[in-house]
Protein backbone atom coordinates (compact mmCIF):
# COMPACT_ATOMS: atom_id res chain seq x y z
CA MET A 1 57.63 28.36 5.87
CA LEU A 2 56.76 26.70 9.28
CA SER A 3 59.71 25.59 11.48
CA THR A 4 59.95 22.22 12.90
CA THR A 5 59.31 23.65 16.24
CA ASN A 6 56.14 25.39 15.06
CA ILE A 7 54.96 22.05 13.33
CA LEU A 8 55.44 20.23 16.57
CA ARG A 9 53.73 22.64 18.71
CA PHE A 10 50.75 22.65 16.15
CA ILE A 11 50.51 18.84 16.30
CA ARG A 12 50.71 18.87 20.00
CA SER A 13 47.92 21.57 20.33
CA VAL A 14 45.56 19.50 17.87
CA THR A 15 46.30 16.19 19.70
CA ILE A 16 45.51 18.04 23.29
CA ALA A 17 42.41 19.30 21.59
CA VAL A 18 41.38 15.97 20.12
CA ALA A 19 42.11 14.30 23.49
CA TRP A 20 39.94 16.76 25.45
CA ALA A 21 37.04 16.41 23.03
CA ILE A 22 37.21 12.61 23.12
CA VAL A 23 37.16 12.78 27.12
CA SER A 24 34.38 15.42 27.02
CA LEU A 25 32.41 13.50 24.37
CA VAL A 26 32.60 10.12 26.31
CA THR A 27 31.59 12.12 29.53
CA VAL A 28 28.60 13.73 27.87
CA TRP A 29 27.60 10.20 26.28
CA LEU A 30 27.79 8.49 29.58
CA LEU A 31 25.51 11.13 30.96
CA VAL A 32 23.00 11.07 28.30
CA GLY A 33 23.20 7.42 28.22
CA LEU A 34 21.79 7.18 31.75
CA GLU A 35 18.65 9.15 30.65
CA PRO A 36 15.61 7.22 29.55
CA ARG A 37 14.77 6.93 26.04
CA PRO A 38 13.88 10.59 24.81
CA LEU A 39 10.65 11.68 23.11
CA LEU A 40 11.57 12.21 19.34
CA VAL A 41 8.60 14.31 18.46
CA ASN A 42 5.96 16.13 20.40
CA LYS A 43 3.02 15.80 18.10
CA SER A 44 0.82 18.09 20.04
CA GLY A 45 2.82 20.96 18.78
CA PHE A 46 1.65 20.71 15.39
CA SER A 47 -0.70 22.29 13.05
CA GLN A 48 -3.90 20.88 11.80
CA ALA A 49 -5.17 21.08 8.09
CA ILE A 50 -8.99 21.20 7.71
CA TYR A 51 -10.38 20.13 4.17
CA ASP A 52 -13.72 20.16 2.30
CA SER A 53 -15.35 17.11 1.00
CA LYS A 54 -13.44 17.31 -2.17
CA GLY A 55 -9.90 17.60 -0.62
CA ARG A 56 -9.73 21.32 -0.90
CA LEU A 57 -7.99 23.08 1.93
CA LEU A 58 -10.17 25.10 4.14
CA ARG A 59 -7.54 26.18 6.71
CA LEU A 60 -4.05 25.30 7.74
CA THR A 61 -3.86 26.25 11.47
CA LEU A 62 -0.85 27.75 13.47
CA SER A 63 0.97 25.44 15.93
CA ASN A 64 1.04 26.49 19.68
CA ASP A 65 4.35 28.34 19.17
CA GLU A 66 3.13 30.19 16.02
CA LYS A 67 4.68 27.76 13.44
CA TYR A 68 3.12 26.27 10.35
CA ARG A 69 4.18 22.64 11.10
CA LEU A 70 2.03 19.60 9.75
CA TRP A 71 2.77 16.11 10.66
CA ILE A 72 2.80 13.61 7.79
CA SER A 73 4.24 10.04 7.89
CA LEU A 74 7.33 9.11 6.02
CA GLY A 75 5.10 7.16 3.48
CA GLU A 76 3.29 10.26 2.67
CA ILE A 77 6.52 11.92 1.39
CA PRO A 78 7.53 10.99 -2.14
CA PRO A 79 10.72 9.01 -2.66
CA ALA A 80 12.16 11.90 -4.80
CA MET A 81 11.75 14.33 -1.78
CA ILE A 82 13.57 11.95 0.62
CA ASP A 83 16.38 11.09 -1.74
CA ALA A 84 16.90 15.04 -2.69
CA THR A 85 17.13 15.77 1.01
CA LEU A 86 19.56 12.99 1.74
CA LEU A 87 21.53 13.91 -1.42
CA GLN A 88 21.79 17.67 -0.17
CA GLU A 89 22.06 17.24 3.51
CA ASP A 90 23.41 13.78 4.42
CA ALA A 91 24.25 11.22 1.73
CA TRP A 92 25.75 8.68 4.26
CA PHE A 93 22.60 9.07 6.63
CA ARG A 94 21.86 5.18 6.13
CA TRP A 95 25.43 4.01 7.17
CA HIS A 96 26.66 6.13 9.91
CA VAL A 97 25.92 5.99 13.51
CA GLY A 98 24.18 9.52 13.87
CA VAL A 99 27.69 10.99 13.42
CA ASN A 100 29.73 11.09 10.32
CA PRO A 101 33.59 11.52 11.52
CA ILE A 102 34.64 12.43 8.14
CA SER A 103 32.32 15.27 7.80
CA LEU A 104 33.40 16.44 11.23
CA ILE A 105 36.99 16.33 10.51
CA ARG A 106 36.51 18.20 7.12
CA ALA A 107 34.53 20.81 9.02
CA PHE A 108 37.03 21.36 11.66
CA ILE A 109 39.87 21.72 9.37
CA ALA A 110 37.94 24.09 7.24
CA THR A 111 36.77 26.27 10.24
CA TYR A 112 39.61 26.23 12.70
CA ILE A 113 42.79 25.35 10.59
CA GLN A 114 42.18 26.67 7.08
CA ARG A 115 39.97 29.31 8.48
CA THR A 116 38.23 29.44 4.95
CA ARG A 117 34.64 29.61 6.17
CA ARG A 118 32.71 28.09 9.15
CA MET A 119 31.32 24.49 8.45
CA GLY A 120 29.17 22.29 10.86
CA GLY A 121 29.52 18.86 9.57
CA SER A 122 26.21 18.13 11.12
CA THR A 123 24.42 15.00 10.06
CA ILE A 124 20.51 14.93 9.75
CA THR A 125 20.44 13.35 13.11
CA MET A 126 22.80 16.01 14.60
CA GLN A 127 20.52 18.69 13.09
CA LEU A 128 17.52 16.76 14.51
CA ALA A 129 19.21 16.52 18.02
CA ARG A 130 20.11 20.31 17.87
CA GLN A 131 16.47 21.21 17.25
CA ARG A 132 14.89 18.71 19.57
CA PHE A 133 17.12 19.71 22.74
CA GLY A 134 17.78 23.19 21.93
CA ILE A 135 21.31 23.00 21.64
CA ASN A 136 23.73 25.85 20.89
CA SER A 137 26.08 23.93 18.56
CA ARG A 138 28.11 26.95 17.91
CA THR A 139 30.23 26.49 21.16
CA PRO A 140 32.58 23.69 21.63
CA TRP A 141 30.68 22.31 24.54
CA GLY A 142 27.34 22.56 22.63
CA LYS A 143 28.87 20.64 19.53
CA LEU A 144 29.75 17.89 21.94
CA GLU A 145 26.54 17.79 23.42
CA GLN A 146 24.87 17.75 19.87
CA ILE A 147 27.27 14.69 18.98
CA ALA A 148 26.30 12.84 22.03
CA ARG A 149 22.70 13.39 21.50
CA ALA A 150 22.99 12.38 17.90
CA LEU A 151 24.51 9.16 18.91
CA GLN A 152 21.72 8.53 21.61
CA LEU A 153 18.91 9.20 18.80
CA ASP A 154 20.65 6.90 16.60
CA ARG A 155 20.92 4.23 19.03
CA ASP A 156 17.07 4.69 20.25
CA TYR A 157 15.46 5.04 16.97
CA SER A 158 15.49 3.59 13.51
CA LYS A 159 16.68 5.57 10.51
CA ASP A 160 13.15 5.82 9.17
CA GLN A 161 11.91 7.40 12.38
CA LEU A 162 14.84 9.85 12.48
CA LEU A 163 14.15 10.91 8.86
CA GLU A 164 10.49 11.11 9.37
CA ALA A 165 10.96 13.34 12.32
CA TYR A 166 13.62 15.53 10.61
CA LEU A 167 11.40 16.06 7.56
CA ASN A 168 8.71 17.14 9.88
CA MET A 169 10.62 19.52 11.77
CA VAL A 170 13.24 21.02 9.45
CA PRO A 171 12.97 24.97 8.74
CA TYR A 172 11.77 25.91 5.33
CA GLY A 173 11.71 29.70 5.81
CA GLY A 174 10.01 32.10 8.04
CA ASN A 175 7.67 30.17 10.43
CA ILE A 176 7.22 27.09 8.13
CA GLU A 177 8.68 24.09 9.32
CA GLY A 178 8.44 20.40 7.84
CA VAL A 179 7.85 19.28 4.38
CA GLY A 180 4.06 18.75 4.82
CA ALA A 181 3.52 22.43 5.85
CA ALA A 182 5.98 23.68 2.98
CA SER A 183 4.37 21.86 0.26
CA ILE A 184 0.79 23.06 1.12
CA ILE A 185 1.91 26.80 1.56
CA TYR A 186 4.44 27.11 -1.21
CA PHE A 187 2.94 24.76 -3.88
CA GLY A 188 -0.59 24.27 -2.77
CA LYS A 189 -0.53 20.67 -2.59
CA PRO A 190 0.03 17.59 -0.37
CA ALA A 191 3.61 16.50 -0.04
CA LYS A 192 2.82 13.15 -1.93
CA ASP A 193 2.09 15.20 -5.21
CA LEU A 194 5.32 17.21 -5.20
CA SER A 195 6.87 17.26 -8.57
CA LEU A 196 10.72 16.52 -8.84
CA ALA A 197 11.41 20.11 -9.57
CA GLU A 198 9.57 21.19 -6.39
CA ALA A 199 11.16 18.53 -4.46
CA LEU A 200 14.64 19.70 -5.43
CA THR A 201 13.56 23.12 -4.52
CA LEU A 202 12.56 22.21 -1.10
CA ALA A 203 15.51 20.09 -0.40
CA VAL A 204 17.99 23.22 -0.70
CA ILE A 205 16.11 25.59 1.54
CA PRO A 206 16.85 24.26 4.93
CA GLN A 207 20.73 25.27 4.55
CA HIS A 208 19.86 28.74 4.22
CA PRO A 209 16.19 29.08 4.81
CA GLU A 210 15.86 32.89 4.56
CA LYS A 211 18.41 33.16 1.65
CA ARG A 212 16.67 30.38 -0.35
CA SER A 213 13.16 31.26 -0.27
CA PRO A 214 11.11 30.30 -3.34
CA LEU A 215 8.93 33.29 -2.95
CA PRO A 216 9.23 35.77 -6.07
CA GLY A 217 11.89 38.50 -5.61
CA SER A 218 13.30 36.97 -2.42
CA HIS A 219 16.85 35.61 -3.34
CA PRO A 220 16.41 33.99 -6.54
CA ARG A 221 19.98 33.65 -7.36
CA GLU A 222 20.85 32.04 -4.18
CA LEU A 223 18.01 29.33 -4.58
CA GLY A 224 18.55 28.92 -8.33
CA GLU A 225 22.59 28.10 -7.89
CA ALA A 226 21.91 25.67 -5.01
CA ARG A 227 19.00 24.09 -6.90
CA LEU A 228 21.25 23.84 -10.03
CA ARG A 229 24.11 22.28 -8.19
CA LEU A 230 21.56 19.67 -6.57
CA ALA A 231 19.85 18.99 -9.97
CA HIS A 232 23.25 18.12 -11.61
CA GLU A 233 24.19 15.81 -8.66
CA TRP A 234 20.71 14.29 -8.93
CA LEU A 235 21.10 13.48 -12.73
CA SER A 236 24.53 11.89 -11.97
CA ASN A 237 22.97 9.63 -9.42
CA HIS A 238 19.56 8.89 -11.25
CA ALA A 239 20.02 7.65 -14.79
CA ASN A 240 16.24 7.54 -15.34
CA SER A 241 15.72 11.10 -14.75
CA PRO A 242 13.67 13.28 -17.04
CA GLY A 243 15.92 14.91 -19.88
CA ASP A 244 14.35 18.27 -19.25
CA LEU A 245 14.94 18.38 -15.53
CA ILE A 246 17.23 21.47 -15.64
CA GLU A 247 14.78 23.28 -17.96
CA THR A 248 11.89 22.79 -15.44
CA LEU A 249 13.57 23.68 -12.19
CA ASP A 250 12.01 27.15 -11.86
CA VAL A 251 8.71 26.58 -10.12
CA SER A 252 6.35 29.22 -9.00
CA ALA A 253 5.50 29.28 -5.23
CA ALA A 254 2.85 31.15 -3.09
CA SER A 255 3.02 32.95 0.36
CA ARG A 256 1.66 31.60 3.51
CA HIS A 257 -0.37 35.05 3.42
CA GLU A 258 -2.26 33.24 0.43
CA LEU A 259 -3.52 30.48 2.38
CA PRO A 260 -7.18 29.83 2.36
CA PHE A 261 -9.39 30.64 5.20
CA LEU A 262 -12.95 29.14 4.32
CA ALA A 263 -15.95 28.02 6.32
CA PRO A 264 -14.52 29.91 9.39
CA HIS A 265 -17.33 29.23 11.74
CA LEU A 266 -17.35 25.51 10.96
CA VAL A 267 -13.51 25.24 11.23
CA ASP A 268 -13.73 27.10 14.69
CA ARG A 269 -16.31 24.80 15.94
CA ILE A 270 -14.27 21.67 14.83
CA LEU A 271 -11.05 23.01 16.42
CA ALA A 272 -13.08 23.68 19.62
CA SER A 273 -14.23 20.17 19.73
CA GLY A 274 -10.84 18.87 20.79
CA ASP A 275 -10.19 16.70 17.63
CA SER A 276 -6.42 16.63 17.45
CA ASP A 277 -6.06 14.90 14.14
CA ALA A 278 -3.51 16.38 11.83
CA ARG A 279 -5.87 16.30 8.90
CA ILE A 280 -9.65 16.55 9.23
CA THR A 281 -11.98 16.18 6.15
CA THR A 282 -15.44 17.85 6.42
CA THR A 283 -18.66 17.34 4.61
CA VAL A 284 -18.82 20.97 3.42
CA ASP A 285 -18.43 21.70 -0.23
CA SER A 286 -16.34 24.82 -0.44
CA ASP A 287 -18.13 25.92 -3.83
CA LEU A 288 -21.44 25.86 -2.10
CA GLU A 289 -19.89 27.36 0.99
CA GLU A 290 -18.82 30.44 -1.01
CA LEU A 291 -22.27 30.41 -2.89
CA VAL A 292 -24.24 30.63 0.37
CA GLU A 293 -21.87 33.24 1.81
CA ARG A 294 -22.59 35.59 -1.15
CA GLN A 295 -26.18 34.96 -1.12
CA LEU A 296 -26.44 35.79 2.56
CA GLN A 297 -24.31 38.95 2.03
CA SER A 298 -26.47 39.94 -0.77
CA TYR A 299 -29.77 39.36 1.18
CA VAL A 300 -28.39 41.36 3.97
CA GLU A 301 -27.62 44.37 1.68
CA ARG A 302 -30.95 44.25 0.19
CA ASN A 303 -32.68 44.32 3.54
CA ARG A 304 -30.51 46.78 5.28
CA LEU A 305 -33.24 49.27 5.58
CA LEU A 306 -35.25 46.83 7.51
CA ALA A 307 -32.54 46.77 10.15
CA ILE A 308 -31.20 43.23 9.01
CA ASN A 309 -27.59 43.35 9.32
CA ASN A 310 -26.77 39.72 10.10
CA GLY A 311 -27.70 36.19 9.34
CA ALA A 312 -26.76 32.58 9.46
CA VAL A 313 -27.16 29.72 7.06
CA ILE A 314 -26.85 26.00 7.18
CA LEU A 315 -27.30 24.01 3.99
CA LEU A 316 -27.79 20.11 4.49
CA ASP A 317 -27.87 17.52 1.83
CA TYR A 318 -31.38 15.90 2.17
CA PRO A 319 -30.52 12.37 1.42
CA THR A 320 -27.43 12.23 3.78
CA MET A 321 -28.27 14.83 6.08
CA GLN A 322 -24.77 16.15 5.88
CA VAL A 323 -23.78 19.77 6.09
CA SER A 324 -22.91 21.18 2.76
CA ALA A 325 -22.49 24.69 3.79
CA TYR A 326 -22.05 26.31 7.17
CA VAL A 327 -22.36 30.15 7.55
CA GLY A 328 -22.35 31.44 11.11
CA SER A 329 -22.56 35.20 10.19
CA ALA A 330 -22.80 37.56 7.07
CA ASN A 331 -19.34 38.69 7.46
CA TYR A 332 -16.84 36.70 9.81
CA PHE A 333 -14.45 39.80 9.95
CA ASN A 334 -17.02 42.63 10.72
CA GLU A 335 -16.71 43.59 14.34
CA ALA A 336 -19.88 45.84 14.35
CA ILE A 337 -22.11 42.54 13.97
CA ASP A 338 -19.80 40.41 16.10
CA GLY A 339 -19.10 38.45 12.91
CA GLN A 340 -17.10 35.88 14.46
CA VAL A 341 -19.85 34.63 16.89
CA ASP A 342 -21.62 31.75 15.25
CA GLY A 343 -25.10 32.48 15.00
CA LEU A 344 -25.90 28.90 13.98
CA ARG A 345 -25.14 27.86 17.55
CA GLY A 346 -27.44 30.47 19.09
CA ARG A 347 -30.47 29.45 21.01
CA ARG A 348 -33.65 30.63 19.49
CA SER A 349 -37.33 30.14 19.61
CA PRO A 350 -38.52 26.62 18.14
CA GLY A 351 -41.69 28.07 16.75
CA SER A 352 -40.73 27.61 13.16
CA ALA A 353 -39.61 24.23 13.65
CA LEU A 354 -43.08 23.48 15.17
CA LYS A 355 -45.01 24.60 12.10
CA PRO A 356 -44.53 21.73 9.70
CA PHE A 357 -45.89 19.30 12.47
CA ILE A 358 -48.86 21.58 12.90
CA TYR A 359 -49.96 21.52 9.15
CA ALA A 360 -49.05 17.77 9.03
CA LEU A 361 -51.20 16.84 11.80
CA ALA A 362 -53.95 19.06 10.44
CA ILE A 363 -53.74 17.32 6.83
CA ASP A 364 -53.60 14.01 8.61
CA GLN A 365 -56.94 14.76 10.22
CA GLY A 366 -58.56 15.93 6.95
CA LEU A 367 -58.90 19.51 8.18
CA ILE A 368 -56.86 21.24 5.44
CA HIS A 369 -55.13 20.55 2.22
CA PRO A 370 -51.93 22.30 0.79
CA GLN A 371 -54.07 24.83 -1.01
CA SER A 372 -56.47 25.43 1.80
CA MET A 373 -57.11 29.04 2.31
CA LEU A 374 -56.22 30.52 5.66
CA LYS A 375 -56.50 33.88 7.20
CA ASP A 376 -53.39 35.94 8.02
CA THR A 377 -55.22 38.70 9.84
CA ALA A 378 -55.21 40.21 13.55
CA LEU A 379 -56.25 37.47 15.90
CA ARG A 380 -57.19 37.62 19.68
CA ILE A 381 -57.05 34.63 21.89
CA ALA A 382 -58.09 35.91 25.28
CA ALA A 383 -55.26 38.25 26.38
CA TYR A 384 -53.05 36.75 23.77
CA ASN A 385 -52.58 38.80 20.54
CA PRO A 386 -50.27 36.71 18.13
CA GLU A 387 -48.22 38.52 15.56
CA ASN A 388 -45.92 37.74 12.69
CA PHE A 389 -42.16 38.57 12.65
CA ASP A 390 -42.66 41.53 10.51
CA ARG A 391 -45.44 42.72 12.70
CA ASP A 392 -47.76 42.73 9.59
CA PHE A 393 -50.55 40.74 8.08
CA LEU A 394 -51.07 39.30 4.54
CA GLY A 395 -54.61 38.59 4.48
CA PRO A 396 -55.77 35.44 2.72
CA ILE A 397 -53.13 33.01 2.09
CA ASP A 398 -52.81 29.17 1.20
CA ALA A 399 -51.55 26.74 3.49
CA THR A 400 -48.52 25.96 1.41
CA SER A 401 -47.55 29.80 1.28
CA ALA A 402 -48.21 30.20 5.07
CA LEU A 403 -45.79 27.37 5.85
CA VAL A 404 -43.07 28.36 3.46
CA ARG A 405 -43.12 32.03 4.58
CA SER A 406 -43.28 30.87 8.16
CA ARG A 407 -46.32 33.03 8.97
CA ASN A 408 -47.26 32.82 12.77
CA VAL A 409 -50.98 33.67 12.80
CA PRO A 410 -52.08 31.08 10.25
CA ALA A 411 -50.10 28.56 12.13
CA ILE A 412 -51.75 29.27 15.50
CA GLU A 413 -55.30 29.15 13.76
CA VAL A 414 -54.58 25.56 12.45
CA ALA A 415 -53.24 24.50 15.82
CA ASN A 416 -56.55 25.78 17.35
CA LEU A 417 -58.55 23.46 15.03
CA LEU A 418 -56.63 20.33 15.69
CA GLN A 419 -58.60 17.49 17.47
CA PRO A 420 -57.29 15.95 20.66
CA PRO A 421 -54.66 15.27 21.47
CA GLY A 422 -53.40 18.06 19.38
CA LEU A 423 -49.99 19.54 18.95
CA TYR A 424 -49.34 19.39 22.77
CA GLY A 425 -50.31 15.54 22.84
CA PHE A 426 -48.25 14.98 19.74
CA LEU A 427 -45.01 16.58 21.29
CA LYS A 428 -45.64 14.85 24.71
CA ALA A 429 -45.87 11.32 23.02
CA ALA A 430 -42.69 12.25 21.02
CA GLY A 431 -40.78 12.90 24.20
CA VAL A 432 -40.31 16.43 23.77
């Protein structure tokens, strides 16, 4: 048993420690209070999500610091996710001033007096302050700075703003931060579509991100026990919860290595344009994109003996002139063909683009009709000997086939038949 002297010494030590803590806290509080209102979140350090026209993900980019961190507003996060997080991390978040004294006292007793286990007693605001200001909260001075910064943030920002920032920056394992990125990576859906079981799963991860990973084979027991405890607490606080909640807790999750990487040349082009929106929706249809990619690869394989090893295709929806598929090379990952170079952006001869106007002018002048027979044979114009791209001739060919197959010689022959002002005059009048 402790003697009276030892008890008095202990009380004296605790009193001195508390006094020093109060003095230090007040000092830090006064110092941070002199600073201007700090920036809560730097949104330039977030990922971007690129979607196709049907809302399917094409790519989720990494942030500047190699994190998957996608900004979403608080309104896009389902109430179940918010309530589960508060229940798990900080039940009194809406009522305290950034710091919960009771939690801090309980953590101090468990860590330094009972020495049973190390507890932090951190509120959501304190966790946000630690991450926002890079504080080492394991030291006494760091803990005091964390408390002071939490008080400062609570003074300068609303509870919803703090909660929004926290849910966008809290770690969910590996280099995944924020519920926006976690919901897409683990469950393949935006946060607004999370089920209750998925929300409870995400809510327990931040306390031990590596030990509670939802990936198969990670630490199923750690995750399962934490999620079960939270589910029981949820049921005791939400009378209208589904009766089979406990049975449906085990949800499957995917890895960040399974994220889609579609329409790569188009996405690269969008990102290079400087568009900083968190979510960008394109006009591309990912089904058509994959179909065009397969067709291009098949064409290249069939014609490899003709020294064709690369190509590029853009598919337009004629009524709207919107891009439905954008394939910049036959294989984005093939270094032998410089696959990451976007062939659709390369400058090339406009000859084929002019041919429809040549035939249209000839039809307009009554010189030919779509089935008129033309000659695809050797042609000499002074010192000029025009050739086709395949350096061959097909002989007699109708005008429609000559245009569809983009034959050079028949087009030049028709251009020479045009009456003044001819093709040159037409282009000049069009401002070309």
